C-alpha atoms as a PDB file:
ATOM      1  CA  MET A   1     -18.761 -21.255  44.850  1.00  0.00           C
ATOM      2  CA  ASP A   2     -16.610 -22.497  41.864  1.00  0.00           C
ATOM      3  CA  ARG A   3     -14.548 -19.807  40.871  1.00  0.00           C
ATOM      4  CA  LEU A   4     -11.543 -17.561  43.045  1.00  0.00           C
ATOM      5  CA  ILE A   5     -13.791 -14.489  43.897  1.00  0.00           C
ATOM      6  CA  TYR A   6     -11.290 -12.178  45.768  1.00  0.00           C
ATOM      7  CA  LEU A   7      -7.637 -10.669  45.024  1.00  0.00           C
ATOM      8  CA  LEU A   8      -6.889 -10.485  48.293  1.00  0.00           C
ATOM      9  CA  ASP A   9      -4.109  -6.978  49.154  1.00  0.00           C
ATOM     10  CA  THR A  10      -0.706  -7.186  50.748  1.00  0.00           C
ATOM     11  CA  ASN A  11      -3.063  -5.565  54.219  1.00  0.00           C
ATOM     12  CA  ILE A  12      -4.979  -7.882  54.199  1.00  0.00           C
ATOM     13  CA  LEU A  13      -2.504 -11.734  53.094  1.00  0.00           C
ATOM     14  CA  SER A  14      -0.424 -10.103  56.799  1.00  0.00           C
ATOM     15  CA  GLU A  15      -2.630  -9.707  59.082  1.00  0.00           C
ATOM     16  CA  PRO A  16      -2.239 -12.969  60.002  1.00  0.00           C
ATOM     17  CA  ALA A  17       1.265 -12.457  61.812  1.00  0.00           C
ATOM     18  CA  LYS A  18       0.191  -9.975  63.797  1.00  0.00           C
ATOM     19  CA  LEU A  19       0.959 -10.483  67.346  1.00  0.00           C
ATOM     20  CA  GLU A  20      -2.580  -9.162  66.960  1.00  0.00           C
ATOM     21  CA  PRO A  21      -4.570  -9.858  63.925  1.00  0.00           C
ATOM     22  CA  ASN A  22      -8.578  -8.450  63.270  1.00  0.00           C
ATOM     23  CA  TYR A  23      -9.919 -12.044  63.883  1.00  0.00           C
ATOM     24  CA  GLN A  24     -12.420 -10.204  61.459  1.00  0.00           C
ATOM     25  CA  VAL A  25      -9.990 -10.724  58.746  1.00  0.00           C
ATOM     26  CA  ILE A  26      -8.737 -13.907  60.263  1.00  0.00           C
ATOM     27  CA  LYS A  27     -12.549 -14.685  59.495  1.00  0.00           C
ATOM     28  CA  LYS A  28     -13.281 -13.969  55.911  1.00  0.00           C
ATOM     29  CA  ILE A  29      -9.777 -15.697  55.661  1.00  0.00           C
ATOM     30  CA  GLN A  30     -10.908 -19.117  56.330  1.00  0.00           C
ATOM     31  CA  GLU A  31     -14.381 -18.361  55.523  1.00  0.00           C
ATOM     32  CA  TYR A  32     -13.084 -17.757  51.600  1.00  0.00           C
ATOM     33  CA  ASP A  33     -10.650 -20.128  51.776  1.00  0.00           C
ATOM     34  CA  GLY A  34      -9.797 -21.886  48.298  1.00  0.00           C
ATOM     35  CA  TYR A  35     -11.287 -18.519  46.980  1.00  0.00           C
ATOM     36  CA  TYR A  36      -9.214 -16.240  46.644  1.00  0.00           C
ATOM     37  CA  ALA A  37      -5.829 -15.132  44.865  1.00  0.00           C
ATOM     38  CA  THR A  38      -2.765 -12.974  45.062  1.00  0.00           C
ATOM     39  CA  SER A  39      -1.094 -11.100  42.042  1.00  0.00           C
ATOM     40  CA  ALA A  40       2.653 -11.931  42.119  1.00  0.00           C
ATOM     41  CA  THR A  41       3.222  -8.029  42.706  1.00  0.00           C
ATOM     42  CA  VAL A  42       1.896  -8.162  46.612  1.00  0.00           C
ATOM     43  CA  TRP A  43       3.969 -11.759  46.643  1.00  0.00           C
ATOM     44  CA  GLN A  44       7.154  -9.999  45.633  1.00  0.00           C
ATOM     45  CA  GLU A  45       6.222  -6.773  48.123  1.00  0.00           C
ATOM     46  CA  LEU A  46       5.977  -9.511  51.219  1.00  0.00           C
ATOM     47  CA  ARG A  47       8.996 -11.506  50.280  1.00  0.00           C
ATOM     48  CA  PHE A  48      10.753  -8.195  49.894  1.00  0.00           C
ATOM     49  CA  GLY A  49       9.625  -6.364  53.466  1.00  0.00           C
ATOM     50  CA  CYS A  50      10.437 -10.160  55.273  1.00  0.00           C
ATOM     51  CA  GLU A  51      14.194 -10.126  53.454  1.00  0.00           C
ATOM     52  CA  ARG A  52      14.915  -6.331  55.031  1.00  0.00           C
ATOM     53  CA  LEU A  53      13.997  -8.214  58.319  1.00  0.00           C
ATOM     54  CA  LEU A  54      17.767  -8.930  60.696  1.00  0.00           C
ATOM     55  CA  VAL A  55      17.478 -13.398  61.111  1.00  0.00           C
ATOM     56  CA  SER A  56      16.100 -13.818  63.798  1.00  0.00           C
ATOM     57  CA  LYS A  57      12.596 -16.003  65.533  1.00  0.00           C
ATOM     58  CA  LEU A  58       9.963 -13.012  63.347  1.00  0.00           C
ATOM     59  CA  ARG A  59      12.043 -13.658  59.976  1.00  0.00           C
ATOM     60  CA  ARG A  60      12.168 -17.381  60.560  1.00  0.00           C
ATOM     61  CA  ARG A  61       8.315 -17.403  61.338  1.00  0.00           C
ATOM     62  CA  LEU A  62       7.640 -15.427  58.167  1.00  0.00           C
ATOM     63  CA  GLU A  63       9.995 -17.740  56.335  1.00  0.00           C
ATOM     64  CA  SER A  64       7.898 -21.251  56.689  1.00  0.00           C
END
């Protein structure tokens, strides 16, 4: 593979942060590492959601 082949949405990029992530999704993310991207809209959705959280351990983990 020599090109991007997947455009990931918010639900997929949020999966690793869940307490009990779907390991099939995690496996695919790892399998295609380097062959996916996301849109600026999705990136902003993730940032907005994180910034709405109270300052907490969860928020710090997501920010990192």
